[in-house]
């Protein structure tokens, strides 16, 4: 059941990417873009957690946001960041421990 719901939600994201996104132009401040992040989160984590991660990302993406590299936790984009030295130096690892000195820059 949840696979089917994830598929429907990914289809809606894809519909947005094909119809609305080209009209708006590139506006996302993050890599991967919010729509790609949401689709990946839905594929990796399913409709509940993936939908929650996607919604949180969309709310973080606004004109005042710093943006940057923000991969899906546990997804292919995170593995890519960890394997590529150029990406890794710009990637802020999102660890659950928010008491680290680097946590304020996230």
N, C-alpha and C. Protein backbone atom coordinates (compact mmCIF):
# COMPACT_ATOMS: atom_id res chain seq x y z
N UNK A 1 0.82 -1.20 0.00
CA UNK A 1 0.00 0.00 0.00
C UNK A 1 0.86 1.26 0.00
N UNK A 2 1.88 1.30 0.88
CA UNK A 2 2.70 2.50 0.97
C UNK A 2 3.53 2.70 -0.30
N UNK A 3 3.91 1.57 -0.96
CA UNK A 3 4.64 1.70 -2.22
C UNK A 3 3.78 2.38 -3.28
N UNK A 4 2.51 2.01 -3.31
CA UNK A 4 1.59 2.62 -4.26
C UNK A 4 1.40 4.10 -4.01
N UNK A 5 1.27 4.47 -2.73
CA UNK A 5 1.13 5.88 -2.37
C UNK A 5 2.40 6.65 -2.71
N UNK A 6 3.55 6.06 -2.44
CA UNK A 6 4.82 6.72 -2.80
C UNK A 6 4.89 6.93 -4.31
N UNK A 7 4.44 5.93 -5.08
CA UNK A 7 4.44 6.04 -6.53
C UNK A 7 3.54 7.17 -7.02
N UNK A 8 2.38 7.30 -6.41
CA UNK A 8 1.46 8.39 -6.77
C UNK A 8 2.09 9.74 -6.45
N UNK A 9 2.69 9.86 -5.28
CA UNK A 9 3.33 11.13 -4.89
C UNK A 9 4.51 11.46 -5.79
N UNK A 10 5.30 10.46 -6.15
CA UNK A 10 6.42 10.68 -7.08
C UNK A 10 5.87 11.13 -8.43
N UNK A 11 4.75 10.55 -8.86
CA UNK A 11 4.11 10.98 -10.10
C UNK A 11 3.68 12.44 -10.05
N UNK A 12 3.17 12.88 -8.91
CA UNK A 12 2.78 14.29 -8.76
C UNK A 12 4.00 15.20 -8.80
N UNK A 13 5.09 14.77 -8.18
CA UNK A 13 6.33 15.55 -8.23
C UNK A 13 6.81 15.64 -9.67
N UNK A 14 6.77 14.52 -10.38
CA UNK A 14 7.21 14.49 -11.78
C UNK A 14 6.31 15.39 -12.64
N UNK A 15 5.02 15.39 -12.39
CA UNK A 15 4.10 16.27 -13.11
C UNK A 15 4.48 17.73 -12.87
N UNK A 16 4.79 18.08 -11.63
CA UNK A 16 5.26 19.43 -11.31
C UNK A 16 6.53 19.75 -12.10
N UNK A 17 7.48 18.80 -12.13
CA UNK A 17 8.75 19.03 -12.82
C UNK A 17 8.54 19.27 -14.32
N UNK A 18 7.57 18.61 -14.90
CA UNK A 18 7.35 18.72 -16.35
C UNK A 18 6.46 19.90 -16.74
N UNK A 19 5.59 20.36 -15.84
CA UNK A 19 4.63 21.39 -16.22
C UNK A 19 4.89 22.75 -15.56
N UNK A 20 5.00 22.79 -14.27
CA UNK A 20 5.10 24.06 -13.55
C UNK A 20 6.54 24.55 -13.44
N UNK A 21 7.46 23.65 -13.12
CA UNK A 21 8.85 24.04 -12.91
C UNK A 21 9.47 24.77 -14.12
N UNK A 22 9.23 24.31 -15.36
CA UNK A 22 9.81 25.03 -16.50
C UNK A 22 9.29 26.47 -16.62
N UNK A 23 8.07 26.71 -16.17
CA UNK A 23 7.51 28.06 -16.23
C UNK A 23 8.14 28.98 -15.18
N UNK A 24 8.50 28.41 -14.04
CA UNK A 24 9.08 29.20 -12.95
C UNK A 24 10.58 29.43 -13.12
N UNK A 25 11.25 28.51 -13.79
CA UNK A 25 12.69 28.60 -13.93
C UNK A 25 13.39 28.09 -12.69
N UNK A 26 14.72 28.03 -12.75
CA UNK A 26 15.48 27.50 -11.61
C UNK A 26 15.44 28.45 -10.42
N UNK A 27 14.82 28.05 -9.35
CA UNK A 27 14.69 28.89 -8.16
C UNK A 27 15.24 28.23 -6.90
N UNK A 28 15.44 26.93 -6.94
CA UNK A 28 15.84 26.21 -5.74
C UNK A 28 17.26 26.60 -5.34
N UNK A 29 17.47 26.78 -4.05
CA UNK A 29 18.75 27.18 -3.51
C UNK A 29 19.60 26.00 -3.08
N UNK A 30 19.10 24.80 -3.29
CA UNK A 30 19.79 23.60 -2.83
C UNK A 30 20.09 22.66 -3.98
N UNK A 31 21.01 21.75 -3.73
CA UNK A 31 21.25 20.60 -4.59
C UNK A 31 21.08 19.36 -3.74
N UNK A 32 20.35 18.37 -4.18
CA UNK A 32 19.48 18.37 -5.35
C UNK A 32 18.31 19.34 -5.17
N UNK A 33 17.70 19.70 -6.27
CA UNK A 33 16.57 20.63 -6.18
C UNK A 33 15.49 20.05 -5.27
N UNK A 34 14.61 20.90 -4.80
CA UNK A 34 13.56 20.45 -3.86
C UNK A 34 12.69 19.33 -4.46
N UNK A 35 12.37 19.43 -5.74
CA UNK A 35 11.53 18.39 -6.33
C UNK A 35 12.30 17.08 -6.48
N UNK A 36 13.57 17.15 -6.87
CA UNK A 36 14.38 15.93 -6.95
C UNK A 36 14.61 15.34 -5.56
N UNK A 37 14.84 16.20 -4.57
CA UNK A 37 15.02 15.76 -3.19
C UNK A 37 13.77 15.02 -2.71
N UNK A 38 12.60 15.61 -2.96
CA UNK A 38 11.35 15.01 -2.50
C UNK A 38 11.11 13.67 -3.18
N UNK A 39 11.34 13.59 -4.49
CA UNK A 39 11.15 12.31 -5.19
C UNK A 39 12.12 11.26 -4.65
N UNK A 40 13.38 11.64 -4.42
CA UNK A 40 14.35 10.69 -3.88
C UNK A 40 13.96 10.26 -2.47
N UNK A 41 13.54 11.21 -1.64
CA UNK A 41 13.12 10.88 -0.27
C UNK A 41 11.94 9.92 -0.28
N UNK A 42 11.00 10.12 -1.19
CA UNK A 42 9.85 9.21 -1.30
C UNK A 42 10.29 7.81 -1.72
N UNK A 43 11.24 7.73 -2.67
CA UNK A 43 11.74 6.43 -3.11
C UNK A 43 12.49 5.71 -2.00
N UNK A 44 13.33 6.45 -1.27
CA UNK A 44 14.19 5.84 -0.25
C UNK A 44 13.44 5.54 1.04
N UNK A 45 12.59 6.47 1.49
CA UNK A 45 11.99 6.36 2.81
C UNK A 45 10.48 6.10 2.82
N UNK A 46 9.84 6.09 1.65
CA UNK A 46 8.41 5.84 1.60
C UNK A 46 7.60 7.12 1.77
N UNK A 47 6.27 7.00 1.71
CA UNK A 47 5.42 8.19 1.68
C UNK A 47 5.40 9.00 2.98
N UNK A 48 5.48 8.36 4.13
CA UNK A 48 5.39 9.13 5.38
C UNK A 48 6.68 9.89 5.67
N UNK A 49 7.76 9.16 5.89
CA UNK A 49 9.02 9.83 6.21
C UNK A 49 9.53 10.63 5.01
N UNK A 50 9.43 10.05 3.82
CA UNK A 50 9.87 10.75 2.61
C UNK A 50 9.07 12.03 2.37
N UNK A 51 7.76 11.95 2.58
CA UNK A 51 6.92 13.14 2.43
C UNK A 51 7.26 14.20 3.46
N UNK A 52 7.53 13.75 4.69
CA UNK A 52 7.91 14.68 5.76
C UNK A 52 9.25 15.35 5.43
N UNK A 53 10.24 14.57 4.97
CA UNK A 53 11.54 15.14 4.60
C UNK A 53 11.38 16.15 3.46
N UNK A 54 10.56 15.80 2.46
CA UNK A 54 10.33 16.69 1.33
C UNK A 54 9.65 17.99 1.76
N UNK A 55 8.65 17.88 2.63
CA UNK A 55 7.94 19.08 3.11
C UNK A 55 8.88 19.98 3.90
N UNK A 56 9.71 19.37 4.77
CA UNK A 56 10.66 20.18 5.54
C UNK A 56 11.65 20.89 4.62
N UNK A 57 12.10 20.21 3.57
CA UNK A 57 13.05 20.81 2.63
C UNK A 57 12.41 21.98 1.91
N UNK A 58 11.18 21.80 1.44
CA UNK A 58 10.49 22.87 0.72
C UNK A 58 10.31 24.09 1.61
N UNK A 59 10.02 23.88 2.89
CA UNK A 59 9.86 25.01 3.82
C UNK A 59 11.19 25.72 4.09
N UNK A 60 12.31 24.98 3.99
CA UNK A 60 13.63 25.59 4.20
C UNK A 60 14.09 26.40 2.99
N UNK A 61 13.52 26.14 1.82
CA UNK A 61 13.97 26.76 0.58
C UNK A 61 13.19 28.05 0.34
N UNK A 62 13.82 29.16 0.61
CA UNK A 62 13.20 30.46 0.41
C UNK A 62 14.29 31.47 0.08
N UNK A 63 13.95 32.68 -0.37
CA UNK A 63 14.96 33.65 -0.79
C UNK A 63 16.01 33.98 0.27
N UNK A 64 15.70 33.86 1.54
CA UNK A 64 16.68 34.16 2.58
C UNK A 64 17.56 32.98 2.97
N UNK A 65 17.30 31.81 2.40
CA UNK A 65 18.05 30.60 2.76
C UNK A 65 19.44 30.63 2.14
N UNK A 66 20.41 30.10 2.88
CA UNK A 66 21.77 30.00 2.35
C UNK A 66 21.86 28.97 1.24
N UNK A 67 21.07 27.91 1.34
CA UNK A 67 21.09 26.87 0.33
C UNK A 67 22.35 26.03 0.43
N UNK A 68 22.71 25.39 -0.67
CA UNK A 68 23.90 24.55 -0.70
C UNK A 68 23.55 23.10 -0.99
N UNK A 69 24.48 22.23 -0.66
CA UNK A 69 24.30 20.81 -0.89
C UNK A 69 23.60 20.19 0.31
N UNK A 70 22.46 19.57 0.06
CA UNK A 70 21.64 19.00 1.14
C UNK A 70 21.01 17.70 0.64
N UNK A 71 21.76 16.60 0.67
CA UNK A 71 21.25 15.34 0.13
C UNK A 71 20.24 14.67 1.05
N UNK A 72 19.49 13.75 0.49
CA UNK A 72 18.53 12.94 1.25
C UNK A 72 19.31 11.99 2.16
N UNK A 73 19.02 11.98 3.46
CA UNK A 73 19.71 11.06 4.37
C UNK A 73 19.51 9.61 3.94
N UNK A 74 20.61 8.90 3.76
CA UNK A 74 20.54 7.49 3.39
C UNK A 74 20.25 7.24 1.92
N UNK A 75 20.18 8.29 1.12
CA UNK A 75 19.86 8.13 -0.29
C UNK A 75 21.08 8.18 -1.19
N UNK A 76 20.88 7.98 -2.48
CA UNK A 76 21.99 8.01 -3.44
C UNK A 76 22.72 9.36 -3.47
N UNK A 77 21.99 10.46 -3.28
CA UNK A 77 22.66 11.77 -3.31
C UNK A 77 23.62 11.92 -2.14
N UNK A 78 23.29 11.34 -0.98
CA UNK A 78 24.20 11.40 0.17
C UNK A 78 25.44 10.57 -0.10
N UNK A 79 25.27 9.38 -0.66
CA UNK A 79 26.44 8.55 -1.00
C UNK A 79 27.33 9.26 -2.00
N UNK A 80 26.72 9.93 -2.98
CA UNK A 80 27.49 10.67 -3.97
C UNK A 80 28.33 11.76 -3.31
N UNK A 81 27.74 12.47 -2.36
CA UNK A 81 28.46 13.52 -1.65
C UNK A 81 29.63 12.96 -0.86
N UNK A 82 29.43 11.83 -0.24
CA UNK A 82 30.50 11.23 0.57
C UNK A 82 31.62 10.67 -0.30
N UNK A 83 31.31 10.26 -1.53
CA UNK A 83 32.31 9.66 -2.41
C UNK A 83 33.07 10.68 -3.24
N UNK A 84 32.50 11.84 -3.49
CA UNK A 84 33.13 12.86 -4.33
C UNK A 84 33.77 13.93 -3.46
N UNK A 85 35.10 14.04 -3.47
CA UNK A 85 35.79 15.00 -2.60
C UNK A 85 35.35 16.45 -2.82
N UNK A 86 35.08 16.82 -4.08
CA UNK A 86 34.65 18.20 -4.34
C UNK A 86 33.29 18.49 -3.72
N UNK A 87 32.36 17.56 -3.86
CA UNK A 87 31.05 17.74 -3.25
C UNK A 87 31.15 17.67 -1.74
N UNK A 88 31.97 16.75 -1.23
CA UNK A 88 32.05 16.52 0.21
C UNK A 88 32.51 17.76 0.96
N UNK A 89 33.39 18.57 0.36
CA UNK A 89 33.87 19.75 1.09
C UNK A 89 32.79 20.83 1.22
N UNK A 90 31.74 20.76 0.40
CA UNK A 90 30.63 21.72 0.48
C UNK A 90 29.42 21.15 1.21
N UNK A 91 29.48 19.86 1.47
CA UNK A 91 28.34 19.14 2.06
C UNK A 91 28.42 19.24 3.58
N UNK A 92 27.35 19.73 4.19
CA UNK A 92 27.27 19.81 5.64
C UNK A 92 26.57 18.56 6.14
N UNK A 93 27.32 17.66 6.75
CA UNK A 93 26.75 16.42 7.26
C UNK A 93 25.70 16.74 8.31
N UNK A 94 24.51 16.24 8.15
CA UNK A 94 23.41 16.50 9.08
C UNK A 94 23.33 15.36 10.09
N UNK A 95 24.13 15.48 11.12
CA UNK A 95 24.14 14.46 12.17
C UNK A 95 23.08 14.81 13.20
N UNK A 96 22.52 13.81 13.88
CA UNK A 96 21.51 14.08 14.89
C UNK A 96 22.04 14.90 16.05
N UNK A 97 23.35 14.89 16.27
CA UNK A 97 23.95 15.63 17.38
C UNK A 97 24.01 17.11 17.00
N UNK A 98 23.13 17.92 17.57
CA UNK A 98 23.10 19.35 17.27
C UNK A 98 23.97 20.15 18.22
N UNK A 99 24.69 19.46 19.11
CA UNK A 99 25.54 20.18 20.05
C UNK A 99 26.93 20.43 19.49
N UNK A 100 27.19 19.95 18.26
CA UNK A 100 28.52 20.15 17.69
C UNK A 100 28.70 21.62 17.32
N UNK A 101 29.95 22.10 17.30
CA UNK A 101 30.20 23.52 16.99
C UNK A 101 29.70 23.91 15.62
N UNK A 102 29.68 22.96 14.67
CA UNK A 102 29.25 23.26 13.31
C UNK A 102 27.74 23.32 13.18
N UNK A 103 27.00 22.92 14.20
CA UNK A 103 25.53 22.84 14.12
C UNK A 103 24.89 24.19 13.87
N UNK A 104 25.49 25.27 14.34
CA UNK A 104 24.88 26.59 14.16
C UNK A 104 24.92 27.05 12.71
N UNK A 105 25.83 26.48 11.89
CA UNK A 105 25.92 26.90 10.50
C UNK A 105 25.00 26.10 9.60
N UNK A 106 24.24 25.17 10.13
CA UNK A 106 23.37 24.32 9.30
C UNK A 106 22.11 25.01 8.95
